[in-house]
Amino acid sequence: MTRHRIYQISVASVYVHYVTKAKKKARTQAEVDAIIGWLTGYDQPQLAAHLEAKTNFEDFFAQAPQLHPSRHLIRGVICGVRIEEIEDPLMREIRYLDKLIDELARGRPMEKILRSA
């Protein structure tokens, strides 16, 4: 099976776009960081270290302290594909992150983005 090119792209190179997208909609970098932390279990210093090291997506998710157990509640379409139909586990994790950032940019409350009760 051919590996997707995104797996080798650094998280830092996409992170700047996540922050820009959020800021254009009056959201904050702290909210982006909170979303990433919720999904992956990284705290702020760990996230900063991965961004500085230019860790690729494959290693970023492989080294995640704890992928959130409620992430399966993230549903919908991203890039024209239903998240729940993505078979490749790594691609699904990347698309979960994309979907959460989209929800942030659309103004959804953080409690709902983070699937809080």
PDB file of N, CA and C in Angstrom:
ATOM      1  N   MET A   1       0.833  -1.172   0.000  1.00  0.00           N
ATOM      2  CA  MET A   1       0.000   0.000   0.000  1.00  0.00           C
ATOM      3  C   MET A   1       0.888   1.250   0.000  1.00  0.00           C
ATOM      4  N   THR A   2       0.539   2.224  -0.797  1.00  0.00           N
ATOM      5  CA  THR A   2       1.294   3.468  -0.884  1.00  0.00           C
ATOM      6  C   THR A   2       1.000   4.333   0.342  1.00  0.00           C
ATOM      7  N   ARG A   3       2.060   4.843   0.940  1.00  0.00           N
ATOM      8  CA  ARG A   3       1.919   5.713   2.106  1.00  0.00           C
ATOM      9  C   ARG A   3       1.511   7.108   1.629  1.00  0.00           C
ATOM     10  N   HIS A   4       0.622   7.714   2.361  1.00  0.00           N
ATOM     11  CA  HIS A   4       0.186   9.061   2.014  1.00  0.00           C
ATOM     12  C   HIS A   4       1.309  10.052   2.314  1.00  0.00           C
ATOM     13  N   ARG A   5       1.426  11.030   1.467  1.00  0.00           N
ATOM     14  CA  ARG A   5       2.469  12.042   1.605  1.00  0.00           C
ATOM     15  C   ARG A   5       2.343  12.820   2.905  1.00  0.00           C
ATOM     16  N   ILE A   6       1.118  13.019   3.378  1.00  0.00           N
ATOM     17  CA  ILE A   6       0.910  13.814   4.605  1.00  0.00           C
ATOM     18  C   ILE A   6       1.601  13.190   5.809  1.00  0.00           C
ATOM     19  N   TYR A   7       1.800  11.889   5.805  1.00  0.00           N
ATOM     20  CA  TYR A   7       2.412  11.222   6.958  1.00  0.00           C
ATOM     21  C   TYR A   7       3.818  11.741   7.230  1.00  0.00           C
ATOM     22  N   GLN A   8       4.519  12.168   6.193  1.00  0.00           N
ATOM     23  CA  GLN A   8       5.894  12.635   6.349  1.00  0.00           C
ATOM     24  C   GLN A   8       6.014  14.150   6.452  1.00  0.00           C
ATOM     25  N   ILE A   9       4.896  14.850   6.357  1.00  0.00           N
ATOM     26  CA  ILE A   9       4.905  16.301   6.508  1.00  0.00           C
ATOM     27  C   ILE A   9       5.002  16.640   7.994  1.00  0.00           C
ATOM     28  N   SER A  10       5.756  17.672   8.318  1.00  0.00           N
ATOM     29  CA  SER A  10       5.906  18.038   9.728  1.00  0.00           C
ATOM     30  C   SER A  10       4.614  18.663  10.252  1.00  0.00           C
ATOM     31  N   VAL A  11       4.296  18.333  11.469  1.00  0.00           N
ATOM     32  CA  VAL A  11       3.121  18.897  12.126  1.00  0.00           C
ATOM     33  C   VAL A  11       3.275  20.421  12.210  1.00  0.00           C
ATOM     34  N   ALA A  12       4.492  20.890  12.441  1.00  0.00           N
ATOM     35  CA  ALA A  12       4.741  22.334  12.560  1.00  0.00           C
ATOM     36  C   ALA A  12       4.346  23.085  11.293  1.00  0.00           C
ATOM     37  N   SER A  13       4.565  22.474  10.130  1.00  0.00           N
ATOM     38  CA  SER A  13       4.246  23.158   8.881  1.00  0.00           C
ATOM     39  C   SER A  13       2.736  23.305   8.684  1.00  0.00           C
ATOM     40  N   VAL A  14       1.947  22.422   9.265  1.00  0.00           N
ATOM     41  CA  VAL A  14       0.492  22.504   9.170  1.00  0.00           C
ATOM     42  C   VAL A  14      -0.082  23.282  10.352  1.00  0.00           C
ATOM     43  N   TYR A  15       0.580  23.193  11.489  1.00  0.00           N
ATOM     44  CA  TYR A  15       0.145  23.879  12.713  1.00  0.00           C
ATOM     45  C   TYR A  15      -0.040  25.376  12.468  1.00  0.00           C
ATOM     46  N   VAL A  16       0.877  25.997  11.751  1.00  0.00           N
ATOM     47  CA  VAL A  16       0.756  27.437  11.487  1.00  0.00           C
ATOM     48  C   VAL A  16      -0.537  27.738  10.730  1.00  0.00           C
ATOM     49  N   HIS A  17      -0.954  26.835   9.856  1.00  0.00           N
ATOM     50  CA  HIS A  17      -2.206  27.023   9.115  1.00  0.00           C
ATOM     51  C   HIS A  17      -3.420  26.832  10.031  1.00  0.00           C
ATOM     52  N   TYR A  18      -3.325  25.893  10.962  1.00  0.00           N
ATOM     53  CA  TYR A  18      -4.397  25.708  11.948  1.00  0.00           C
ATOM     54  C   TYR A  18      -4.590  26.990  12.750  1.00  0.00           C
ATOM     55  N   VAL A  19      -3.482  27.570  13.223  1.00  0.00           N
ATOM     56  CA  VAL A  19      -3.544  28.788  14.039  1.00  0.00           C
ATOM     57  C   VAL A  19      -4.078  29.957  13.211  1.00  0.00           C
ATOM     58  N   THR A  20      -3.604  30.088  11.986  1.00  0.00           N
ATOM     59  CA  THR A  20      -4.072  31.161  11.114  1.00  0.00           C
ATOM     60  C   THR A  20      -5.571  31.053  10.868  1.00  0.00           C
ATOM     61  N   LYS A  21      -6.030  29.846  10.594  1.00  0.00           N
ATOM     62  CA  LYS A  21      -7.455  29.609  10.353  1.00  0.00           C
ATOM     63  C   LYS A  21      -8.275  29.994  11.581  1.00  0.00           C
ATOM     64  N   ALA A  22      -7.797  29.616  12.752  1.00  0.00           N
ATOM     65  CA  ALA A  22      -8.501  29.935  13.992  1.00  0.00           C
ATOM     66  C   ALA A  22      -8.530  31.440  14.228  1.00  0.00           C
ATOM     67  N   LYS A  23      -7.397  32.101  14.056  1.00  0.00           N
ATOM     68  CA  LYS A  23      -7.310  33.543  14.321  1.00  0.00           C
ATOM     69  C   LYS A  23      -8.175  34.349  13.358  1.00  0.00           C
ATOM     70  N   LYS A  24      -8.322  33.886  12.119  1.00  0.00           N
ATOM     71  CA  LYS A  24      -9.182  34.577  11.158  1.00  0.00           C
ATOM     72  C   LYS A  24     -10.627  34.604  11.628  1.00  0.00           C
ATOM     73  N   LYS A  25     -10.975  33.659  12.461  1.00  0.00           N
ATOM     74  CA  LYS A  25     -12.347  33.564  12.974  1.00  0.00           C
ATOM     75  C   LYS A  25     -12.433  33.977  14.446  1.00  0.00           C
ATOM     76  N   ALA A  26     -11.483  34.790  14.879  1.00  0.00           N
ATOM     77  CA  ALA A  26     -11.453  35.336  16.247  1.00  0.00           C
ATOM     78  C   ALA A  26     -11.308  34.262  17.314  1.00  0.00           C
ATOM     79  N   ARG A  27     -10.626  33.175  16.990  1.00  0.00           N
ATOM     80  CA  ARG A  27     -10.301  32.148  17.973  1.00  0.00           C
ATOM     81  C   ARG A  27      -8.811  32.285  18.276  1.00  0.00           C
ATOM     82  N   THR A  28      -8.289  31.481  19.206  1.00  0.00           N
ATOM     83  CA  THR A  28      -6.920  31.693  19.663  1.00  0.00           C
ATOM     84  C   THR A  28      -6.018  30.483  19.437  1.00  0.00           C
ATOM     85  N   GLN A  29      -4.727  30.756  19.496  1.00  0.00           N
ATOM     86  CA  GLN A  29      -3.731  29.694  19.425  1.00  0.00           C
ATOM     87  C   GLN A  29      -3.881  28.759  20.629  1.00  0.00           C
ATOM     88  N   ALA A  30      -4.232  29.312  21.766  1.00  0.00           N
ATOM     89  CA  ALA A  30      -4.431  28.499  22.972  1.00  0.00           C
ATOM     90  C   ALA A  30      -5.549  27.481  22.760  1.00  0.00           C
ATOM     91  N   GLU A  31      -6.584  27.878  22.029  1.00  0.00           N
ATOM     92  CA  GLU A  31      -7.675  26.942  21.742  1.00  0.00           C
ATOM     93  C   GLU A  31      -7.214  25.839  20.798  1.00  0.00           C
ATOM     94  N   VAL A  32      -6.404  26.195  19.818  1.00  0.00           N
ATOM     95  CA  VAL A  32      -5.829  25.183  18.917  1.00  0.00           C
ATOM     96  C   VAL A  32      -4.994  24.204  19.732  1.00  0.00           C
ATOM     97  N   ASP A  33      -4.159  24.730  20.621  1.00  0.00           N
ATOM     98  CA  ASP A  33      -3.312  23.882  21.475  1.00  0.00           C
ATOM     99  C   ASP A  33      -4.154  22.978  22.370  1.00  0.00           C
ATOM    100  N   ALA A  34      -5.262  23.516  22.887  1.00  0.00           N
ATOM    101  CA  ALA A  34      -6.145  22.723  23.747  1.00  0.00           C
ATOM    102  C   ALA A  34      -6.762  21.570  22.967  1.00  0.00           C
ATOM    103  N   ILE A  35      -7.137  21.826  21.729  1.00  0.00           N
ATOM    104  CA  ILE A  35      -7.706  20.778  20.878  1.00  0.00           C
ATOM    105  C   ILE A  35      -6.674  19.684  20.621  1.00  0.00           C
ATOM    106  N   ILE A  36      -5.466  20.091  20.268  1.00  0.00           N
ATOM    107  CA  ILE A  36      -4.406  19.116  20.012  1.00  0.00           C
ATOM    108  C   ILE A  36      -4.107  18.322  21.280  1.00  0.00           C
ATOM    109  N   GLY A  37      -4.054  19.005  22.409  1.00  0.00           N
ATOM    110  CA  GLY A  37      -3.819  18.328  23.682  1.00  0.00           C
ATOM    111  C   GLY A  37      -4.922  17.344  24.022  1.00  0.00           C
ATOM    112  N   TRP A  38      -6.155  17.736  23.795  1.00  0.00           N
ATOM    113  CA  TRP A  38      -7.294  16.848  24.072  1.00  0.00           C
ATOM    114  C   TRP A  38      -7.208  15.580  23.224  1.00  0.00           C
ATOM    115  N   LEU A  39      -6.923  15.767  21.942  1.00  0.00           N
ATOM    116  CA  LEU A  39      -6.892  14.626  21.025  1.00  0.00           C
ATOM    117  C   LEU A  39      -5.716  13.689  21.284  1.00  0.00           C
ATOM    118  N   THR A  40      -4.540  14.259  21.575  1.00  0.00           N
ATOM    119  CA  THR A  40      -3.313  13.458  21.633  1.00  0.00           C
ATOM    120  C   THR A  40      -2.778  13.191  23.031  1.00  0.00           C
ATOM    121  N   GLY A  41      -3.156  14.011  23.990  1.00  0.00           N
ATOM    122  CA  GLY A  41      -2.609  13.862  25.335  1.00  0.00           C
ATOM    123  C   GLY A  41      -1.332  14.656  25.559  1.00  0.00           C
ATOM    124  N   TYR A  42      -0.858  15.373  24.544  1.00  0.00           N
ATOM    125  CA  TYR A  42       0.345  16.197  24.720  1.00  0.00           C
ATOM    126  C   TYR A  42       0.016  17.411  25.576  1.00  0.00           C
ATOM    127  N   ASP A  43       0.931  17.746  26.506  1.00  0.00           N
ATOM    128  CA  ASP A  43       0.792  19.000  27.231  1.00  0.00           C
ATOM    129  C   ASP A  43       1.528  20.078  26.424  1.00  0.00           C
ATOM    130  N   GLN A  44       1.463  21.317  26.886  1.00  0.00           N
ATOM    131  CA  GLN A  44       2.048  22.434  26.132  1.00  0.00           C
ATOM    132  C   GLN A  44       3.547  22.265  25.858  1.00  0.00           C
ATOM    133  N   PRO A  45       4.369  21.909  26.859  1.00  0.00           N
ATOM    134  CA  PRO A  45       5.802  21.732  26.569  1.00  0.00           C
ATOM    135  C   PRO A  45       6.085  20.597  25.578  1.00  0.00           C
ATOM    136  N   GLN A  46       5.333  19.517  25.670  1.00  0.00           N
ATOM    137  CA  GLN A  46       5.529  18.404  24.732  1.00  0.00           C
ATOM    138  C   GLN A  46       5.153  18.818  23.311  1.00  0.00           C
ATOM    139  N   LEU A  47       4.038  19.520  23.181  1.00  0.00           N
ATOM    140  CA  LEU A  47       3.618  19.998  21.869  1.00  0.00           C
ATOM    141  C   LEU A  47       4.672  20.941  21.294  1.00  0.00           C
ATOM    142  N   ALA A  48       5.138  21.877  22.102  1.00  0.00           N
ATOM    143  CA  ALA A  48       6.157  22.829  21.646  1.00  0.00           C
ATOM    144  C   ALA A  48       7.428  22.104  21.192  1.00  0.00           C
ATOM    145  N   ALA A  49       7.809  21.054  21.914  1.00  0.00           N
ATOM    146  CA  ALA A  49       9.004  20.288  21.544  1.00  0.00           C
ATOM    147  C   ALA A  49       8.818  19.598  20.196  1.00  0.00           C
ATOM    148  N   HIS A  50       7.638  19.047  19.954  1.00  0.00           N
ATOM    149  CA  HIS A  50       7.378  18.394  18.660  1.00  0.00           C
ATOM    150  C   HIS A  50       7.348  19.408  17.524  1.00  0.00           C
ATOM    151  N   LEU A  51       6.793  20.569  17.793  1.00  0.00           N
ATOM    152  CA  LEU A  51       6.765  21.606  16.761  1.00  0.00           C
ATOM    153  C   LEU A  51       8.180  22.083  16.441  1.00  0.00           C
ATOM    154  N   GLU A  52       8.981  22.274  17.465  1.00  0.00           N
ATOM    155  CA  GLU A  52      10.362  22.714  17.259  1.00  0.00           C
ATOM    156  C   GLU A  52      11.189  21.652  16.533  1.00  0.00           C
ATOM    157  N   ALA A  53      10.949  20.390  16.871  1.00  0.00           N
ATOM    158  CA  ALA A  53      11.694  19.284  16.247  1.00  0.00           C
ATOM    159  C   ALA A  53      11.178  18.955  14.845  1.00  0.00           C
ATOM    160  N   LYS A  54      10.072  19.588  14.465  1.00  0.00           N
ATOM    161  CA  LYS A  54       9.454  19.339  13.159  1.00  0.00           C
ATOM    162  C   LYS A  54       9.092  17.860  12.969  1.00  0.00           C
ATOM    163  N   THR A  55       8.509  17.295  14.007  1.00  0.00           N
ATOM    164  CA  THR A  55       8.067  15.897  13.988  1.00  0.00           C
ATOM    165  C   THR A  55       7.011  15.715  12.897  1.00  0.00           C
ATOM    166  N   ASN A  56       7.114  14.615  12.151  1.00  0.00           N
ATOM    167  CA  ASN A  56       6.112  14.363  11.112  1.00  0.00           C
ATOM    168  C   ASN A  56       4.843  13.784  11.745  1.00  0.00           C
ATOM    169  N   PHE A  57       3.754  13.782  10.975  1.00  0.00           N
ATOM    170  CA  PHE A  57       2.469  13.326  11.502  1.00  0.00           C
ATOM    171  C   PHE A  57       2.516  11.875  11.962  1.00  0.00           C
ATOM    172  N   GLU A  58       3.211  11.042  11.232  1.00  0.00           N
ATOM    173  CA  GLU A  58       3.276   9.624  11.597  1.00  0.00           C
ATOM    174  C   GLU A  58       3.891   9.449  12.990  1.00  0.00           C
ATOM    175  N   ASP A  59       5.014  10.093  13.234  1.00  0.00           N
ATOM    176  CA  ASP A  59       5.672   9.993  14.539  1.00  0.00           C
ATOM    177  C   ASP A  59       4.892  10.740  15.626  1.00  0.00           C
ATOM    178  N   PHE A  60       4.296  11.864  15.256  1.00  0.00           N
ATOM    179  CA  PHE A  60       3.530  12.668  16.212  1.00  0.00           C
ATOM    180  C   PHE A  60       2.403  11.842  16.830  1.00  0.00           C
ATOM    181  N   PHE A  61       1.650  11.142  16.002  1.00  0.00           N
ATOM    182  CA  PHE A  61       0.548  10.332  16.530  1.00  0.00           C
ATOM    183  C   PHE A  61       1.053   9.039  17.154  1.00  0.00           C
ATOM    184  N   ALA A  62       2.134   8.480  16.632  1.00  0.00           N
ATOM    185  CA  ALA A  62       2.685   7.247  17.206  1.00  0.00           C
ATOM    186  C   ALA A  62       3.210   7.489  18.622  1.00  0.00           C
ATOM    187  N   GLN A  63       3.744   8.686  18.866  1.00  0.00           N
ATOM    188  CA  GLN A  63       4.328   9.009  20.170  1.00  0.00           C
ATOM    189  C   GLN A  63       3.344   9.696  21.120  1.00  0.00           C
ATOM    190  N   ALA A  64       2.109   9.880  20.680  1.00  0.00           N
ATOM    191  CA  ALA A  64       1.116  10.578  21.509  1.00  0.00           C
ATOM    192  C   ALA A  64       0.940   9.849  22.839  1.00  0.00           C
ATOM    193  N   PRO A  65       0.980  10.600  23.948  1.00  0.00           N
ATOM    194  CA  PRO A  65       0.850   9.975  25.268  1.00  0.00           C
ATOM    195  C   PRO A  65      -0.434   9.163  25.424  1.00  0.00           C
ATOM    196  N   GLN A  66      -1.555   9.724  24.966  1.00  0.00           N
ATOM    197  CA  GLN A  66      -2.816   8.999  25.071  1.00  0.00           C
ATOM    198  C   GLN A  66      -3.821   9.622  24.121  1.00  0.00           C
ATOM    199  N   LEU A  67      -4.181   8.893  23.085  1.00  0.00           N
ATOM    200  CA  LEU A  67      -5.224   9.378  22.189  1.00  0.00           C
ATOM    201  C   LEU A  67      -6.547   9.326  22.947  1.00  0.00           C
ATOM    202  N   HIS A  68      -7.300  10.403  22.857  1.00  0.00           N
ATOM    203  CA  HIS A  68      -8.514  10.527  23.665  1.00  0.00           C
ATOM    204  C   HIS A  68      -9.516   9.421  23.337  1.00  0.00           C
ATOM    205  N   PRO A  69     -10.048   8.766  24.365  1.00  0.00           N
ATOM    206  CA  PRO A  69     -10.982   7.670  24.130  1.00  0.00           C
ATOM    207  C   PRO A  69     -12.312   8.098  23.493  1.00  0.00           C
ATOM    208  N   SER A  70     -12.667   9.372  23.577  1.00  0.00           N
ATOM    209  CA  SER A  70     -13.930   9.848  22.981  1.00  0.00           C
ATOM    210  C   SER A  70     -13.761  10.368  21.558  1.00  0.00           C
ATOM    211  N   ARG A  71     -12.587  10.209  20.990  1.00  0.00           N
ATOM    212  CA  ARG A  71     -12.365  10.752  19.647  1.00  0.00           C
ATOM    213  C   ARG A  71     -13.259  10.088  18.607  1.00  0.00           C
ATOM    214  N   HIS A  72     -13.731   8.878  18.881  1.00  0.00           N
ATOM    215  CA  HIS A  72     -14.623   8.195  17.941  1.00  0.00           C
ATOM    216  C   HIS A  72     -15.961   8.930  17.789  1.00  0.00           C
ATOM    217  N   LEU A  73     -16.243   9.867  18.691  1.00  0.00           N
ATOM    218  CA  LEU A  73     -17.467  10.658  18.605  1.00  0.00           C
ATOM    219  C   LEU A  73     -17.370  11.760  17.542  1.00  0.00           C
ATOM    220  N   ILE A  74     -16.174  11.973  17.015  1.00  0.00           N
ATOM    221  CA  ILE A  74     -15.969  12.979  15.969  1.00  0.00           C
ATOM    222  C   ILE A  74     -16.489  12.385  14.663  1.00  0.00           C
ATOM    223  N   ARG A  75     -17.489  13.016  14.120  1.00  0.00           N
ATOM    224  CA  ARG A  75     -18.127  12.517  12.906  1.00  0.00           C
ATOM    225  C   ARG A  75     -18.263  13.647  11.908  1.00  0.00           C
ATOM    226  N   GLY A  76     -18.538  13.291  10.681  1.00  0.00           N
ATOM    227  CA  GLY A  76     -18.778  14.297   9.659  1.00  0.00           C
ATOM    228  C   GLY A  76     -17.883  14.110   8.467  1.00  0.00           C
ATOM    229  N   VAL A  77     -17.890  15.120   7.619  1.00  0.00           N
ATOM    230  CA  VAL A  77     -17.146  15.073   6.366  1.00  0.00           C
ATOM    231  C   VAL A  77     -15.993  16.055   6.427  1.00  0.00           C
ATOM    232  N   ILE A  78     -14.841  15.596   5.996  1.00  0.00           N
ATOM    233  CA  ILE A  78     -13.667  16.464   5.881  1.00  0.00           C
ATOM    234  C   ILE A  78     -13.000  16.116   4.558  1.00  0.00           C
ATOM    235  N   CYS A  79     -12.721  17.107   3.767  1.00  0.00           N
ATOM    236  CA  CYS A  79     -12.129  16.916   2.435  1.00  0.00           C
ATOM    237  C   CYS A  79     -12.982  15.963   1.582  1.00  0.00           C
ATOM    238  N   GLY A  80     -14.290  16.041   1.765  1.00  0.00           N
ATOM    239  CA  GLY A  80     -15.205  15.243   0.960  1.00  0.00           C
ATOM    240  C   GLY A  80     -15.325  13.780   1.361  1.00  0.00           C
ATOM    241  N   VAL A  81     -14.742  13.413   2.479  1.00  0.00           N
ATOM    242  CA  VAL A  81     -14.766  12.014   2.932  1.00  0.00           C
ATOM    243  C   VAL A  81     -15.347  11.958   4.346  1.00  0.00           C
ATOM    244  N   ARG A  82     -16.233  10.995   4.572  1.00  0.00           N
ATOM    245  CA  ARG A  82     -16.783  10.804   5.917  1.00  0.00           C
ATOM    246  C   ARG A  82     -15.705  10.225   6.812  1.00  0.00           C
ATOM    247  N   ILE A  83     -15.471  10.869   7.937  1.00  0.00           N
ATOM    248  CA  ILE A  83     -14.411  10.445   8.855  1.00  0.00           C
ATOM    249  C   ILE A  83     -14.615   9.013   9.308  1.00  0.00           C
ATOM    250  N   GLU A  84     -15.850   8.662   9.617  1.00  0.00           N
ATOM    251  CA  GLU A  84     -16.102   7.325  10.134  1.00  0.00           C
ATOM    252  C   GLU A  84     -15.876   6.218   9.095  1.00  0.00           C
ATOM    253  N   GLU A  85     -15.699   6.583   7.831  1.00  0.00           N
ATOM    254  CA  GLU A  85     -15.445   5.600   6.778  1.00  0.00           C
ATOM    255  C   GLU A  85     -13.960   5.465   6.422  1.00  0.00           C
ATOM    256  N   ILE A  86     -13.107   6.259   7.039  1.00  0.00           N
ATOM    257  CA  ILE A  86     -11.674   6.196   6.760  1.00  0.00           C
ATOM    258  C   ILE A  86     -11.109   4.954   7.435  1.00  0.00           C
ATOM    259  N   GLU A  87     -10.533   4.071   6.648  1.00  0.00           N
ATOM    260  CA  GLU A  87     -10.027   2.798   7.179  1.00  0.00           C
ATOM    261  C   GLU A  87      -8.628   2.908   7.772  1.00  0.00           C
ATOM    262  N   ASP A  88      -7.765   3.702   7.181  1.00  0.00           N
ATOM    263  CA  ASP A  88      -6.390   3.845   7.653  1.00  0.00           C
ATOM    264  C   ASP A  88      -6.397   4.576   8.995  1.00  0.00           C
ATOM    265  N   PRO A  89      -5.959   3.938  10.074  1.00  0.00           N
ATOM    266  CA  PRO A  89      -6.019   4.550  11.409  1.00  0.00           C
ATOM    267  C   PRO A  89      -5.280   5.881  11.510  1.00  0.00           C
ATOM    268  N   LEU A  90      -4.103   5.988  10.902  1.00  0.00           N
ATOM    269  CA  LEU A  90      -3.346   7.236  10.986  1.00  0.00           C
ATOM    270  C   LEU A  90      -4.059   8.354  10.234  1.00  0.00           C
ATOM    271  N   MET A  91      -4.571   8.056   9.062  1.00  0.00           N
ATOM    272  CA  MET A  91      -5.295   9.071   8.299  1.00  0.00           C
ATOM    273  C   MET A  91      -6.543   9.513   9.072  1.00  0.00           C
ATOM    274  N   ARG A  92      -7.197   8.586   9.748  1.00  0.00           N
ATOM    275  CA  ARG A  92      -8.379   8.927  10.545  1.00  0.00           C
ATOM    276  C   ARG A  92      -7.992   9.900  11.665  1.00  0.00           C
ATOM    277  N   GLU A  93      -6.857   9.654  12.337  1.00  0.00           N
ATOM    278  CA  GLU A  93      -6.411  10.558  13.413  1.00  0.00           C
ATOM    279  C   GLU A  93      -6.129  11.955  12.866  1.00  0.00           C
ATOM    280  N   ILE A  94      -5.484  12.026  11.717  1.00  0.00           N
ATOM    281  CA  ILE A  94      -5.177  13.321  11.100  1.00  0.00           C
ATOM    282  C   ILE A  94      -6.475  14.045  10.755  1.00  0.00           C
ATOM    283  N   ARG A  95      -7.430  13.315  10.217  1.00  0.00           N
ATOM    284  CA  ARG A  95      -8.711  13.925   9.839  1.00  0.00           C
ATOM    285  C   ARG A  95      -9.543  14.318  11.058  1.00  0.00           C
ATOM    286  N   TYR A  96      -9.405  13.574  12.160  1.00  0.00           N
ATOM    287  CA  TYR A  96     -10.047  13.997  13.409  1.00  0.00           C
ATOM    288  C   TYR A  96      -9.544  15.392  13.775  1.00  0.00           C
ATOM    289  N   LEU A  97      -8.238  15.568  13.717  1.00  0.00           N
ATOM    290  CA  LEU A  97      -7.643  16.856  14.062  1.00  0.00           C
ATOM    291  C   LEU A  97      -8.138  17.949  13.111  1.00  0.00           C
ATOM    292  N   ASP A  98      -8.160  17.657  11.823  1.00  0.00           N
ATOM    293  CA  ASP A  98      -8.660  18.627  10.845  1.00  0.00           C
ATOM    294  C   ASP A  98     -10.100  19.029  11.154  1.00  0.00           C
ATOM    295  N   LYS A  99     -10.920  18.052  11.465  1.00  0.00           N
ATOM    296  CA  LYS A  99     -12.334  18.309  11.746  1.00  0.00           C
ATOM    297  C   LYS A  99     -12.491  19.178  12.992  1.00  0.00           C
ATOM    298  N   LEU A 100     -11.716  18.901  14.028  1.00  0.00           N
ATOM    299  CA  LEU A 100     -11.802  19.701  15.251  1.00  0.00           C
ATOM    300  C   LEU A 100     -11.406  21.150  14.991  1.00  0.00           C
ATOM    301  N   ILE A 101     -10.365  21.355  14.192  1.00  0.00           N
ATOM    302  CA  ILE A 101      -9.941  22.719  13.856  1.00  0.00           C
ATOM    303  C   ILE A 101     -11.019  23.412  13.022  1.00  0.00           C
ATOM    304  N   ASP A 102     -11.651  22.690  12.110  1.00  0.00           N
ATOM    305  CA  ASP A 102     -12.762  23.256  11.331  1.00  0.00           C
ATOM    306  C   ASP A 102     -13.907  23.692  12.245  1.00  0.00           C
ATOM    307  N   GLU A 103     -14.226  22.850  13.218  1.00  0.00           N
ATOM    308  CA  GLU A 103     -15.295  23.195  14.152  1.00  0.00           C
ATOM    309  C   GLU A 103     -14.938  24.447  14.948  1.00  0.00           C
ATOM    310  N   LEU A 104     -13.682  24.573  15.344  1.00  0.00           N
ATOM    311  CA  LEU A 104     -13.224  25.767  16.049  1.00  0.00           C
ATOM    312  C   LEU A 104     -13.415  27.001  15.171  1.00  0.00           C
ATOM    313  N   ALA A 105     -12.989  26.914  13.934  1.00  0.00           N
ATOM    314  CA  ALA A 105     -13.076  28.047  13.009  1.00  0.00           C
ATOM    315  C   ALA A 105     -14.530  28.415  12.687  1.00  0.00           C
ATOM    316  N   ARG A 106     -15.411  27.457  12.809  1.00  0.00           N
ATOM    317  CA  ARG A 106     -16.831  27.731  12.548  1.00  0.00           C
ATOM    318  C   ARG A 106     -17.544  28.312  13.762  1.00  0.00           C
ATOM    319  N   GLY A 107     -16.816  28.482  14.867  1.00  0.00           N
ATOM    320  CA  GLY A 107     -17.387  29.126  16.036  1.00  0.00           C
ATOM    321  C   GLY A 107     -18.055  28.192  17.026  1.00  0.00           C
ATOM    322  N   ARG A 108     -17.878  26.905  16.860  1.00  0.00           N
ATOM    323  CA  ARG A 108     -18.484  25.951  17.792  1.00  0.00           C
ATOM    324  C   ARG A 108     -17.846  26.122  19.175  1.00  0.00           C
ATOM    325  N   PRO A 109     -18.631  26.034  20.236  1.00  0.00           N
ATOM    326  CA  PRO A 109     -18.077  26.169  21.594  1.00  0.00           C
ATOM    327  C   PRO A 109     -17.073  25.055  21.907  1.00  0.00           C
ATOM    328  N   MET A 110     -16.051  25.395  22.681  1.00  0.00           N
ATOM    329  CA  MET A 110     -15.001  24.422  23.024  1.00  0.00           C
ATOM    330  C   MET A 110     -15.565  23.185  23.711  1.00  0.00           C
ATOM    331  N   GLU A 111     -16.587  23.351  24.544  1.00  0.00           N
ATOM    332  CA  GLU A 111     -17.167  22.192  25.235  1.00  0.00           C
ATOM    333  C   GLU A 111     -17.688  21.163  24.243  1.00  0.00           C
ATOM    334  N   LYS A 112     -18.273  21.639  23.157  1.00  0.00           N
ATOM    335  CA  LYS A 112     -18.802  20.727  22.140  1.00  0.00           C
ATOM    336  C   LYS A 112     -17.678  20.167  21.268  1.00  0.00           C
ATOM    337  N   ILE A 113     -16.703  20.991  20.959  1.00  0.00           N
ATOM    338  CA  ILE A 113     -15.566  20.517  20.155  1.00  0.00           C
ATOM    339  C   ILE A 113     -14.863  19.395  20.884  1.00  0.00           C
ATOM    340  N   LEU A 114     -14.673  19.552  22.197  1.00  0.00           N
ATOM    341  CA  LEU A 114     -13.953  18.561  22.989  1.00  0.00           C
ATOM    342  C   LEU A 114     -14.861  17.443  23.498  1.00  0.00           C
ATOM    343  N   ARG A 115     -16.060  17.396  22.950  1.00  0.00           N
ATOM    344  CA  ARG A 115     -17.007  16.318  23.265  1.00  0.00           C
ATOM    345  C   ARG A 115     -17.207  16.157  24.764  1.00  0.00           C
ATOM    346  N   SER A 116     -17.357  17.306  25.454  1.00  0.00           N
ATOM    347  CA  SER A 116     -17.616  17.286  26.895  1.00  0.00           C
ATOM    348  C   SER A 116     -19.084  17.025  27.151  1.00  0.00           C
ATOM    349  N   ALA A 117     -19.375  16.459  28.295  1.00  0.00           N
ATOM    350  CA  ALA A 117     -20.771  16.141  28.641  1.00  0.00           C
ATOM    351  C   ALA A 117     -21.585  17.401  28.864  1.00  0.00           C
TER     352      ALA A 117
END
